[in-house]
C-alpha atoms as a PDB file:
ATOM      1  CA  MET A   1     -60.381 -21.189-100.753  1.00  0.00           C
ATOM      2  CA  SER A   2     -56.981 -21.486 -98.995  1.00  0.00           C
ATOM      3  CA  LYS A   3     -56.352 -19.546 -95.912  1.00  0.00           C
ATOM      4  CA  LEU A   4     -53.761 -17.331 -97.758  1.00  0.00           C
ATOM      5  CA  LEU A   5     -56.218 -16.340-100.467  1.00  0.00           C
ATOM      6  CA  GLU A   6     -58.864 -15.537 -97.696  1.00  0.00           C
ATOM      7  CA  GLU A   7     -56.289 -13.344 -95.864  1.00  0.00           C
ATOM      8  CA  ARG A   8     -55.506 -11.526 -99.200  1.00  0.00           C
ATOM      9  CA  GLU A   9     -59.221 -10.806 -99.652  1.00  0.00           C
ATOM     10  CA  LEU A  10     -59.450  -9.533 -96.040  1.00  0.00           C
ATOM     11  CA  ARG A  11     -56.352  -7.225 -96.679  1.00  0.00           C
ATOM     12  CA  VAL A  12     -57.987  -5.690 -99.680  1.00  0.00           C
ATOM     13  CA  ILE A  13     -61.067  -4.819 -97.511  1.00  0.00           C
ATOM     14  CA  LEU A  14     -58.949  -3.384 -94.823  1.00  0.00           C
ATOM     15  CA  GLN A  15     -57.045  -1.248 -97.378  1.00  0.00           C
ATOM     16  CA  GLN A  16     -60.334  -0.004 -98.880  1.00  0.00           C
ATOM     17  CA  GLN A  17     -61.580   0.833 -95.193  1.00  0.00           C
ATOM     18  CA  LEU A  18     -58.473   2.808 -94.473  1.00  0.00           C
ATOM     19  CA  LEU A  19     -58.655   4.815 -97.699  1.00  0.00           C
ATOM     20  CA  GLN A  20     -62.239   5.603 -96.828  1.00  0.00           C
ATOM     21  CA  THR A  21     -61.385   6.637 -93.151  1.00  0.00           C
ATOM     22  CA  TYR A  22     -58.191   8.550 -93.728  1.00  0.00           C
ATOM     23  CA  PRO A  23     -57.888  11.219 -96.465  1.00  0.00           C
ATOM     24  CA  TYR A  24     -54.284  10.539 -97.264  1.00  0.00           C
ATOM     25  CA  PRO A  25     -52.460   8.133 -99.606  1.00  0.00           C
ATOM     26  CA  LEU A  26     -51.974   4.568 -98.306  1.00  0.00           C
ATOM     27  CA  ALA A  27     -48.558   2.863 -98.330  1.00  0.00           C
ATOM     28  CA  VAL A  28     -48.567  -0.795 -97.774  1.00  0.00           C
ATOM     29  CA  VAL A  29     -45.375  -2.441 -96.626  1.00  0.00           C
ATOM     30  CA  LYS A  30     -45.175  -6.224 -97.191  1.00  0.00           C
ATOM     31  CA  ALA A  31     -42.648  -8.619 -98.545  1.00  0.00           C
ATOM     32  CA  ASN A  32     -43.493 -10.408-101.752  1.00  0.00           C
ATOM     33  CA  MET A  33     -42.324 -13.972-101.060  1.00  0.00           C
ATOM     34  CA  PRO A  34     -43.198 -17.308-102.563  1.00  0.00           C
ATOM     35  CA  GLY A  35     -44.924 -20.082-100.547  1.00  0.00           C
ATOM     36  CA  GLU A  36     -48.022 -20.407 -98.305  1.00  0.00           C
ATOM     37  CA  ASP A  37     -46.458 -19.184 -95.114  1.00  0.00           C
ATOM     38  CA  LYS A  38     -44.618 -15.965 -95.384  1.00  0.00           C
ATOM     39  CA  ARG A  39     -43.822 -15.411 -91.790  1.00  0.00           C
ATOM     40  CA  SER A  40     -39.986 -15.645 -91.697  1.00  0.00           C
ATOM     41  CA  LEU A  41     -37.440 -13.638 -89.792  1.00  0.00           C
ATOM     42  CA  ILE A  42     -36.062 -12.290 -93.079  1.00  0.00           C
ATOM     43  CA  GLN A  43     -39.350 -11.217 -94.257  1.00  0.00           C
ATOM     44  CA  THR A  44     -40.078  -9.499 -90.968  1.00  0.00           C
ATOM     45  CA  ILE A  45     -36.802  -7.583 -90.963  1.00  0.00           C
ATOM     46  CA  ALA A  46     -37.317  -6.419 -94.522  1.00  0.00           C
ATOM     47  CA  VAL A  47     -40.860  -5.192 -93.783  1.00  0.00           C
ATOM     48  CA  CYS A  48     -39.692  -3.423 -90.697  1.00  0.00           C
ATOM     49  CA  GLU A  49     -36.904  -1.652 -92.504  1.00  0.00           C
ATOM     50  CA  GLY A  50     -39.434  -0.359 -94.996  1.00  0.00           C
ATOM     51  CA  TYR A  51     -41.677   0.749 -92.108  1.00  0.00           C
ATOM     52  CA  PHE A  52     -38.892   2.616 -90.288  1.00  0.00           C
ATOM     53  CA  GLU A  53     -38.039   4.496 -93.565  1.00  0.00           C
ATOM     54  CA  LEU A  54     -41.798   5.464 -94.129  1.00  0.00           C
ATOM     55  CA  MET A  55     -42.085   6.606 -90.591  1.00  0.00           C
ATOM     56  CA  LYS A  56     -39.698   9.446 -91.485  1.00  0.00           C
ATOM     57  CA  LEU A  57     -42.532  10.994 -93.384  1.00  0.00           C
ATOM     58  CA  LYS A  58     -45.712  12.735 -91.872  1.00  0.00           C
ATOM     59  CA  THR A  59     -47.519   9.582 -90.928  1.00  0.00           C
ATOM     60  CA  MET A  60     -51.139  10.193 -90.005  1.00  0.00           C
ATOM     61  CA  ASN A  61     -52.180   6.649 -89.194  1.00  0.00           C
ATOM     62  CA  VAL A  62     -50.444   3.216 -88.857  1.00  0.00           C
ATOM     63  CA  HIS A  63     -52.166  -0.201 -88.962  1.00  0.00           C
ATOM     64  CA  TYR A  64     -50.562  -3.644 -89.057  1.00  0.00           C
ATOM     65  CA  SER A  65     -51.444  -7.134 -89.462  1.00  0.00           C
ATOM     66  CA  TYR A  66     -49.512 -10.445 -88.972  1.00  0.00           C
ATOM     67  CA  THR A  67     -51.084 -13.433 -90.753  1.00  0.00           C
ATOM     68  CA  ASN A  68     -49.775 -16.241 -93.022  1.00  0.00           C
ATOM     69  CA  GLU A  69     -48.951 -13.267 -95.495  1.00  0.00           C
ATOM     70  CA  GLY A  70     -46.394 -12.188 -92.869  1.00  0.00           C
ATOM     71  CA  LEU A  71     -46.042  -8.862 -91.249  1.00  0.00           C
ATOM     72  CA  ILE A  72     -47.767  -5.978 -93.203  1.00  0.00           C
ATOM     73  CA  PHE A  73     -47.886  -2.220 -92.316  1.00  0.00           C
ATOM     74  CA  PHE A  74     -50.526   0.113 -93.603  1.00  0.00           C
ATOM     75  CA  LEU A  75     -49.479   3.855 -93.263  1.00  0.00           C
ATOM     76  CA  SER A  76     -51.650   6.729 -94.169  1.00  0.00           C
ATOM     77  CA  ILE A  77     -49.138   9.465 -95.232  1.00  0.00           C
ATOM     78  CA  ASP A  78     -49.685  13.160 -95.558  1.00  0.00           C
ATOM     79  CA  LEU A  79     -47.844  13.493 -98.873  1.00  0.00           C
ATOM     80  CA  SER A  80     -48.864  13.703-102.473  1.00  0.00           C
ATOM     81  CA  ILE A  81     -49.269  10.344-104.155  1.00  0.00           C
ATOM     82  CA  GLU A  82     -46.416  11.278-106.678  1.00  0.00           C
ATOM     83  CA  GLN A  83     -44.002  11.991-103.796  1.00  0.00           C
ATOM     84  CA  LEU A  84     -44.912   9.019-101.756  1.00  0.00           C
ATOM     85  CA  LYS A  85     -44.501   6.795-104.852  1.00  0.00           C
ATOM     86  CA  ASN A  86     -41.118   8.229-105.585  1.00  0.00           C
ATOM     87  CA  PHE A  87     -40.018   7.788-101.898  1.00  0.00           C
ATOM     88  CA  CYS A  88     -41.314   4.109-102.008  1.00  0.00           C
ATOM     89  CA  VAL A  89     -39.382   3.408-105.203  1.00  0.00           C
ATOM     90  CA  ASP A  90     -36.226   4.809-103.678  1.00  0.00           C
ATOM     91  CA  ILE A  91     -36.422   2.649-100.545  1.00  0.00           C
ATOM     92  CA  GLU A  92     -37.577  -0.471-102.547  1.00  0.00           C
END
């Protein structure tokens, strides 16, 4: 299995752990880019912009990773799932 696929599997496990640990909806901020190595300056800037927007909400927990998938933020947010989804669609 490629390193990127292994990292994706680990990300899914982390997401499940965060959902079990924190009783809030989880927002995951990552850039969807082609290629094996997704660690570029543009990717990092785009993800940080999404992170800063989500931090305007009532954030209960923040976790991040930086792997070949690039920078990824995991935010547990005290908001209904519907409200969080609408907010994310607006900033996307």
